[in-house]
Protein backbone atom coordinates (compact mmCIF):
# COMPACT_ATOMS: atom_id res chain seq x y z
CA UNK A 1 77.36 18.24 -26.64
CA UNK A 2 74.58 18.82 -29.46
CA UNK A 3 73.49 15.35 -28.62
CA UNK A 4 72.97 15.77 -24.84
CA UNK A 5 71.33 19.11 -25.47
CA UNK A 6 68.93 17.44 -27.86
CA UNK A 7 68.12 14.76 -25.26
CA UNK A 8 67.50 17.35 -22.73
CA UNK A 9 65.22 19.41 -24.90
CA UNK A 10 63.24 16.01 -25.64
CA UNK A 11 62.77 15.18 -21.98
CA UNK A 12 61.73 18.61 -21.32
CA UNK A 13 59.03 18.39 -23.91
CA UNK A 14 57.83 15.18 -22.60
CA UNK A 15 57.50 16.44 -19.30
CA UNK A 16 55.48 19.30 -20.57
CA UNK A 17 52.95 17.15 -22.38
CA UNK A 18 52.38 15.05 -19.11
CA UNK A 19 51.80 18.34 -17.26
CA UNK A 20 49.13 19.49 -19.81
CA UNK A 21 47.38 16.14 -19.81
CA UNK A 22 47.20 15.86 -16.14
CA UNK A 23 45.88 19.52 -16.03
CA UNK A 24 42.89 18.81 -18.38
CA UNK A 25 42.01 15.42 -16.79
CA UNK A 26 38.15 15.11 -15.79
CA UNK A 27 38.88 13.34 -12.51
CA UNK A 28 42.57 13.82 -11.51
CA UNK A 29 43.96 16.48 -8.95
CA UNK A 30 45.68 19.36 -10.21
CA UNK A 31 48.57 20.98 -9.00
CA UNK A 32 49.25 24.96 -8.98
CA UNK A 33 52.26 25.96 -11.09
CA UNK A 34 54.72 28.57 -9.63
CA UNK A 35 54.58 31.36 -12.10
CA UNK A 36 54.22 30.99 -15.93
CA UNK A 37 50.44 30.45 -15.65
CA UNK A 38 47.83 31.98 -17.98
CA UNK A 39 46.57 35.14 -15.97
CA UNK A 40 43.52 35.45 -18.04
CA UNK A 41 42.43 31.85 -17.57
CA UNK A 42 42.99 32.30 -13.87
CA UNK A 43 41.12 35.34 -13.75
CA UNK A 44 38.11 33.62 -15.64
CA UNK A 45 38.34 30.82 -13.13
CA UNK A 46 38.14 33.07 -10.33
CA UNK A 47 35.06 34.76 -11.79
CA UNK A 48 33.48 31.40 -12.12
CA UNK A 49 34.11 30.38 -8.66
CA UNK A 50 32.71 33.76 -7.37
CA UNK A 51 29.52 33.37 -9.48
CA UNK A 52 28.98 29.78 -7.98
CA UNK A 53 29.60 31.15 -4.53
CA UNK A 54 27.03 33.64 -4.73
CA UNK A 55 24.40 31.39 -6.07
CA UNK A 56 25.23 28.87 -3.29
CA UNK A 57 25.25 31.82 -0.84
CA UNK A 58 21.88 32.83 -2.00
CA UNK A 59 20.55 29.31 -1.50
CA UNK A 60 22.00 29.03 1.69
CA UNK A 61 20.38 32.42 2.80
CA UNK A 62 16.99 31.21 1.63
CA UNK A 63 17.26 27.85 3.42
CA UNK A 64 18.57 29.58 6.62
CA UNK A 65 15.48 31.98 6.37
CA UNK A 66 13.28 29.00 5.88
CA UNK A 67 14.89 27.14 8.95
CA UNK A 68 14.22 30.34 11.15
CA UNK A 69 10.63 30.63 10.17
CA UNK A 70 10.10 26.86 10.85
CA UNK A 71 11.38 27.24 14.27
CA UNK A 72 8.90 30.05 14.92
CA UNK A 73 6.04 28.05 13.45
CA UNK A 74 7.02 24.94 15.85
CA UNK A 75 6.52 27.01 18.94
CA UNK A 76 2.94 26.48 20.58
CA UNK A 77 0.30 29.27 20.26
CA UNK A 78 -0.03 31.75 22.91
CA UNK A 79 -3.17 33.54 21.69
CA UNK A 80 -6.42 31.40 22.42
CA UNK A 81 -9.58 33.42 21.85
CA UNK A 82 -12.35 32.37 24.21
CA UNK A 83 -15.28 33.38 26.41
CA UNK A 84 -14.94 35.43 29.61
CA UNK A 85 -18.33 35.45 30.82
CA UNK A 86 -20.45 32.82 32.62
CA UNK A 87 -24.03 31.61 31.39
CA UNK A 88 -26.16 28.77 31.85
CA UNK A 89 -26.33 26.36 28.76
CA UNK A 90 -29.57 24.96 29.61
CA UNK A 91 -30.98 21.74 28.20
CA UNK A 92 -30.55 21.64 24.67
CA UNK A 93 -30.03 18.90 21.91
CA UNK A 94 -27.51 18.69 19.17
CA UNK A 95 -26.60 16.53 16.20
CA UNK A 96 -22.92 16.33 15.00
CA UNK A 97 -22.26 15.60 11.30
CA UNK A 98 -18.98 14.80 10.16
CA UNK A 99 -17.78 15.40 6.39
CA UNK A 100 -17.10 11.62 6.22
CA UNK A 101 -15.47 8.96 8.58
CA UNK A 102 -13.17 7.89 5.67
CA UNK A 103 -11.22 11.05 6.33
CA UNK A 104 -9.75 10.41 9.85
CA UNK A 105 -9.47 14.11 10.76
CA UNK A 106 -13.23 14.61 10.17
CA UNK A 107 -14.20 11.47 12.33
CA UNK A 108 -12.06 12.66 15.20
CA UNK A 109 -13.30 16.05 14.87
CA UNK A 110 -16.87 15.00 15.19
CA UNK A 111 -16.51 12.86 18.30
CA UNK A 112 -14.75 15.97 19.91
CA UNK A 113 -17.94 17.82 19.22
CA UNK A 114 -20.04 15.07 20.82
CA UNK A 115 -17.87 15.12 23.99
CA UNK A 116 -18.07 18.97 24.14
CA UNK A 117 -21.97 18.85 24.17
CA UNK A 118 -21.94 15.94 26.72
CA UNK A 119 -19.90 17.87 29.05
CA UNK A 120 -22.25 20.70 28.42
CA UNK A 121 -25.05 18.53 29.70
CA UNK A 122 -27.07 18.66 26.18
CA UNK A 123 -28.64 15.52 24.63
CA UNK A 124 -26.58 14.56 21.74
CA UNK A 125 -26.25 11.29 19.80
CA UNK A 126 -23.09 9.99 18.41
CA UNK A 127 -21.28 11.59 15.59
CA UNK A 128 -22.94 10.99 12.10
CA UNK A 129 -21.00 9.97 9.07
CA UNK A 130 -21.38 12.34 6.07
CA UNK A 131 -19.88 9.83 3.91
CA UNK A 132 -17.93 12.51 1.91
CA UNK A 133 -21.36 12.97 -0.01
CA UNK A 134 -23.16 16.32 -0.26
CA UNK A 135 -26.23 14.31 -0.49
CA UNK A 136 -25.83 12.38 2.69
CA UNK A 137 -24.87 15.55 4.72
CA UNK A 138 -27.98 17.30 3.49
CA UNK A 139 -30.07 14.43 4.37
CA UNK A 140 -28.48 14.29 7.89
CA UNK A 141 -29.10 17.94 8.24
CA UNK A 142 -32.98 17.66 7.27
CA UNK A 143 -33.30 14.98 9.72
CA UNK A 144 -31.90 16.94 12.74
CA UNK A 145 -34.20 19.85 11.43
CA UNK A 146 -37.18 17.57 11.62
CA UNK A 147 -36.03 16.35 14.96
CA UNK A 148 -36.02 19.98 16.12
CA UNK A 149 -32.63 19.93 17.51
CA UNK A 150 -31.14 23.14 19.10
CA UNK A 151 -28.11 23.04 17.14
CA UNK A 152 -26.10 21.26 14.51
CA UNK A 153 -22.24 20.95 14.44
CA UNK A 154 -20.92 20.28 11.04
CA UNK A 155 -17.24 19.25 10.64
CA UNK A 156 -15.56 20.27 7.32
CA UNK A 157 -18.63 20.46 5.26
CA UNK A 158 -19.47 22.82 2.35
CA UNK A 159 -22.33 24.42 3.27
CA UNK A 160 -22.98 25.95 -0.18
CA UNK A 161 -23.14 22.26 -1.60
CA UNK A 162 -26.16 21.82 0.75
CA UNK A 163 -27.53 25.19 0.77
CA UNK A 164 -31.17 24.28 0.50
CA UNK A 165 -30.98 21.97 3.61
CA UNK A 166 -29.04 24.81 5.64
CA UNK A 167 -31.59 27.31 4.60
CA UNK A 168 -34.41 25.09 5.93
CA UNK A 169 -32.55 24.48 9.28
CA UNK A 170 -31.99 28.20 9.79
CA UNK A 171 -35.44 29.05 9.02
CA UNK A 172 -36.69 26.50 11.46
CA UNK A 173 -34.63 28.28 14.19
CA UNK A 174 -31.76 25.59 14.38
CA UNK A 175 -28.37 27.18 15.20
CA UNK A 176 -25.58 25.80 13.16
CA UNK A 177 -21.77 25.71 13.91
CA UNK A 178 -19.46 24.65 11.08
CA UNK A 179 -15.75 23.57 12.04
CA UNK A 180 -12.95 24.22 9.56
CA UNK A 181 -15.45 24.83 6.74
CA UNK A 182 -14.74 28.35 5.32
CA UNK A 183 -18.37 29.75 5.56
CA UNK A 184 -19.46 32.22 3.08
CA UNK A 185 -20.99 35.65 4.44
CA UNK A 186 -24.44 34.85 3.50
CA UNK A 187 -24.64 32.27 6.00
CA UNK A 188 -22.98 34.28 8.61
CA UNK A 189 -25.09 37.24 8.20
CA UNK A 190 -28.16 35.08 9.17
CA UNK A 191 -26.85 35.22 12.80
CA UNK A 192 -27.85 31.61 13.14
CA UNK A 193 -24.48 30.16 11.63
CA UNK A 194 -21.00 30.07 13.28
CA UNK A 195 -17.83 29.32 11.64
CA UNK A 196 -14.87 28.19 13.83
CA UNK A 197 -11.49 27.93 11.64
CA UNK A 198 -8.09 28.90 11.08
CA UNK A 199 -6.38 31.01 8.22
CA UNK A 200 -5.82 28.24 5.71
CA UNK A 201 -3.90 30.42 3.20
CA UNK A 202 -1.53 31.11 6.06
CA UNK A 203 -1.32 27.25 6.75
CA UNK A 204 -0.29 26.84 3.12
CA UNK A 205 2.58 29.67 3.52
CA UNK A 206 3.84 27.79 6.63
CA UNK A 207 4.01 24.36 4.62
CA UNK A 208 5.84 26.08 1.77
CA UNK A 209 8.49 27.30 4.46
CA UNK A 210 8.70 23.86 5.77
CA UNK A 211 9.62 22.42 2.37
CA UNK A 212 12.02 25.11 1.42
CA UNK A 213 13.84 24.65 4.93
CA UNK A 214 14.42 20.83 3.80
CA UNK A 215 15.10 21.25 -0.01
CA UNK A 216 16.35 24.72 -0.42
CA UNK A 217 16.18 27.04 -3.63
CA UNK A 218 15.77 24.43 -6.35
CA UNK A 219 13.08 22.13 -4.91
CA UNK A 220 10.70 20.12 -7.25
CA UNK A 221 7.20 19.99 -5.63
CA UNK A 222 3.97 18.72 -6.25
CA UNK A 223 0.88 19.67 -3.88
CA UNK A 224 -2.54 18.21 -4.40
CA UNK A 225 -5.78 20.13 -4.27
CA UNK A 226 -9.47 18.90 -3.61
CA UNK A 227 -11.96 21.62 -4.69
CA UNK A 228 -14.75 19.73 -3.19
CA UNK A 229 -13.76 21.23 0.17
CA UNK A 230 -12.99 24.86 1.01
CA UNK A 231 -9.78 24.72 2.73
CA UNK A 232 -7.45 23.05 0.24
CA UNK A 233 -7.71 25.74 -2.43
CA UNK A 234 -6.79 28.24 -0.06
CA UNK A 235 -3.85 26.19 1.38
CA UNK A 236 -2.58 26.05 -2.29
CA UNK A 237 -2.96 29.50 -2.76
CA UNK A 238 -0.84 30.26 0.41
CA UNK A 239 1.77 27.70 -0.77
CA UNK A 240 2.10 29.09 -4.18
CA UNK A 241 2.49 32.71 -2.66
CA UNK A 242 5.51 31.76 -0.91
CA UNK A 243 7.14 29.76 -3.65
CA UNK A 244 6.51 32.58 -6.45
CA UNK A 245 7.84 35.26 -4.04
CA UNK A 246 10.95 33.71 -2.47
CA UNK A 247 11.90 30.70 -4.80
CA UNK A 248 11.89 31.46 -8.58
CA UNK A 249 14.17 28.48 -9.23
CA UNK A 250 11.88 26.10 -7.57
CA UNK A 251 9.62 23.77 -9.73
CA UNK A 252 5.71 23.73 -8.43
CA UNK A 253 2.92 21.73 -9.95
CA UNK A 254 -0.66 21.54 -8.42
CA UNK A 255 -2.66 18.33 -9.17
CA UNK A 256 -6.24 17.76 -8.51
CA UNK A 257 -7.36 15.13 -6.09
CA UNK A 258 -10.96 13.60 -5.73
CA UNK A 259 -12.00 12.96 -2.27
CA UNK A 260 -13.16 9.42 -3.10
CA UNK A 261 -9.68 8.52 -4.11
CA UNK A 262 -8.65 8.03 -0.46
CA UNK A 263 -10.75 5.08 -0.25
CA UNK A 264 -8.59 3.31 -2.88
CA UNK A 265 -4.83 2.02 -2.80
CA UNK A 266 -2.15 4.45 -3.75
CA UNK A 267 -4.25 6.68 -3.89
CA UNK A 268 -4.59 5.96 -7.82
CA UNK A 269 -3.60 9.67 -8.73
CA UNK A 270 -0.48 9.48 -6.45
CA UNK A 271 0.60 6.19 -8.16
CA UNK A 272 0.23 7.47 -11.40
CA UNK A 273 2.45 10.53 -10.38
CA UNK A 274 4.92 8.25 -9.15
CA UNK A 275 5.18 6.40 -12.32
CA UNK A 276 5.45 9.62 -14.29
CA UNK A 277 8.19 10.85 -12.28
CA UNK A 278 10.55 8.00 -11.50
CA UNK A 279 13.23 10.57 -10.20
CA UNK A 280 13.84 14.06 -9.57
CA UNK A 281 10.58 14.84 -7.43
CA UNK A 282 11.73 16.24 -3.88
CA UNK A 283 8.47 16.77 -2.07
CA UNK A 284 4.70 16.15 -2.46
CA UNK A 285 2.36 18.31 -0.17
CA UNK A 286 -0.84 16.50 0.27
CA UNK A 287 -3.81 18.61 1.14
CA UNK A 288 -4.47 16.52 4.39
CA UNK A 289 -2.61 14.05 6.42
CA UNK A 290 -5.18 11.33 5.58
CA UNK A 291 -4.20 11.30 1.91
CA UNK A 292 -0.61 12.28 2.90
CA UNK A 293 0.05 9.12 5.10
CA UNK A 294 -1.40 6.96 2.42
CA UNK A 295 1.10 8.55 -0.04
CA UNK A 296 3.88 8.23 2.20
CA UNK A 297 3.25 4.55 2.54
CA UNK A 298 3.31 4.07 -1.05
CA UNK A 299 6.70 5.62 -1.36
CA UNK A 300 8.17 3.56 1.32
CA UNK A 301 6.56 0.30 -0.16
CA UNK A 302 8.22 1.27 -3.64
CA UNK A 303 11.62 1.34 -2.18
CA UNK A 304 12.09 4.92 -3.05
CA UNK A 305 13.56 7.66 -0.80
CA UNK A 306 11.74 10.61 -2.73
CA UNK A 307 9.43 12.27 -2.87
CA UNK A 308 9.12 13.31 0.76
CA UNK A 309 5.53 13.65 1.59
CA UNK A 310 4.24 16.55 3.76
CA UNK A 311 0.55 17.27 5.01
CA UNK A 312 -1.93 19.20 6.80
CA UNK A 313 -4.09 18.74 9.96
CA UNK A 314 -1.80 17.22 12.52
CA UNK A 315 -3.60 13.88 12.43
CA UNK A 316 -2.42 11.24 14.84
CA UNK A 317 -1.06 8.90 12.07
CA UNK A 318 1.08 11.81 10.62
CA UNK A 319 2.27 12.87 14.04
CA UNK A 320 3.43 9.17 14.86
CA UNK A 321 5.25 9.02 11.49
CA UNK A 322 7.00 12.10 12.09
CA UNK A 323 8.05 10.59 15.66
CA UNK A 324 8.96 7.17 14.45
CA UNK A 325 10.15 7.88 10.75
CA UNK A 326 7.84 4.92 9.69
CA UNK A 327 6.74 6.03 6.93
CA UNK A 328 8.98 8.89 6.35
CA UNK A 329 6.97 12.22 6.62
CA UNK A 330 8.20 15.92 6.04
CA UNK A 331 5.82 17.86 8.29
CA UNK A 332 2.21 18.70 9.18
CA UNK A 333 0.75 22.09 9.63
CA UNK A 334 -1.73 21.26 12.28
CA UNK A 335 -5.02 23.27 13.22
CA UNK A 336 -6.89 23.46 16.68
CA UNK A 337 -9.90 21.29 15.70
CA UNK A 338 -10.52 19.93 19.07
CA UNK A 339 -10.57 23.38 20.61
CA UNK A 340 -12.85 24.39 17.45
CA UNK A 341 -15.38 21.93 18.61
CA UNK A 342 -15.60 23.09 22.15
CA UNK A 343 -15.79 26.68 21.02
CA UNK A 344 -18.57 26.10 18.56
CA UNK A 345 -20.64 24.19 21.16
CA UNK A 346 -20.18 27.07 23.42
CA UNK A 347 -21.36 29.71 20.94
CA UNK A 348 -24.29 27.52 19.79
CA UNK A 349 -25.39 27.19 23.49
CA UNK A 350 -24.86 31.01 24.24
CA UNK A 351 -26.83 31.85 21.22
CA UNK A 352 -29.70 29.53 22.27
CA UNK A 353 -29.71 31.11 25.77
CA UNK A 354 -29.47 34.65 24.61
CA UNK A 355 -26.11 35.05 26.66
CA UNK A 356 -23.05 37.13 25.47
CA UNK A 357 -21.17 35.77 22.43
CA UNK A 358 -17.35 36.34 21.99
CA UNK A 359 -14.96 36.99 19.29
CA UNK A 360 -11.99 35.28 17.67
CA UNK A 361 -13.81 32.02 16.65
CA UNK A 362 -12.71 32.50 13.13
CA UNK A 363 -9.02 33.05 14.10
CA UNK A 364 -7.96 30.08 15.78
CA UNK A 365 -4.27 29.13 15.73
CA UNK A 366 -2.41 26.71 13.65
CA UNK A 367 0.85 25.18 14.62
CA UNK A 368 3.82 23.15 12.36
CA UNK A 369 4.58 19.81 13.72
CA UNK A 370 7.68 18.24 12.79
CA UNK A 371 10.19 15.49 13.88
CA UNK A 372 11.64 18.14 16.29
CA UNK A 373 8.18 18.52 18.41
CA UNK A 374 6.11 15.55 17.59
CA UNK A 375 6.67 14.22 21.16
CA UNK A 376 4.68 17.07 22.41
CA UNK A 377 1.51 15.86 20.86
CA UNK A 378 1.77 12.15 21.70
CA UNK A 379 1.28 10.08 24.94
CA UNK A 380 -1.62 10.65 24.75
CA UNK A 381 -2.26 12.18 21.21
CA UNK A 382 -3.75 15.72 20.88
CA UNK A 383 -3.86 18.37 18.24
CA UNK A 384 -2.63 22.08 19.40
CA UNK A 385 -4.62 22.91 22.46
CA UNK A 386 -3.81 25.17 25.57
CA UNK A 387 -1.62 23.69 28.02
CA UNK A 388 -3.34 22.04 31.05
CA UNK A 389 -7.01 21.41 31.69
CA UNK A 390 -7.95 23.65 28.94
CA UNK A 391 -11.52 22.45 28.71
CA UNK A 392 -12.29 23.53 32.29
CA UNK A 393 -10.25 26.58 32.18
CA UNK A 394 -11.54 27.86 28.79
CA UNK A 395 -14.93 26.62 28.77
CA UNK A 396 -16.64 24.55 31.53
CA UNK A 397 -15.98 27.14 34.18
CA UNK A 398 -18.19 29.54 32.26
CA UNK A 399 -21.16 26.77 32.14
CA UNK A 400 -23.09 27.60 35.31
């Protein structure tokens, strides 16, 4: 009898040991016991799960908020400022100067400016290449001034960096339009300089929400900044504002980018970034699509799946990448630069003719382009513009 009891107790002890080992195993499944459990341990486990659940809920809430904002930013703009009174543009002459053809968006804008002046009936040569050089840009402005052009249209040029040339042009009576430049008040106050742009700080905010919609509340992000141009620092500021206010657990770093790097493979600063961050970097936000697509191709060629690159401007190659996934691209925050060229040509001609000008040129719309709406900007490619024959509806019908 005693021997049987001893055997039973031994078997029971063995079963208890097996149960403890199974319950503590890292990868094994556990089975809930029916009674006899430690209530304090169960309560602690419940609190831990609750805390994790709240954290996940907070993250989910931020991502849902970001997704809702992205859906709004993807919608076509409905408010397009423009003229409402007719005038005669007369016979004028113009020069269109790009910041540099090495930046695709600058080259495209300049060509659009030429088309606008041609449609107006003005004498205009082909777009000039500023070669991403203040010295070259200043020389082209001086040349146009000496040729006594009626107007000069500059594309993404920092007027402060060529101030002497601009001052001489204004003193000579030349009218100047600057597209996507962020022109300081001292130039605007001359009454001979016009600025066509979007709110670049708002663009930075839009881009930040696009990244948060993709990666959520613990995103690791690097953004680039080129202080040789005025828009990038404002975009950086807007991006930082959203992250600081809404994503305290996000990791954000801003790195400088020199304009001339775009002519080199990588570009070099991006190749160095990838080497220093072999993993754990979710997103890189390039200050414009020309750099962004170059970076995205470098990521693709390296065989990595991250970081995902985002950009600005809505350049054709960026939109195609969003459509095809080749290379993978996150989103691009686009501005209405084609519309801006036509608007500036109109304003320059109005000023020259002494005709009524119109307001809103410095408040042109932006739109977020993602894989969801990239189709809307292709076949043929275009940046955000009003629907239909907008050139005639918004401008040409007022040119008598």
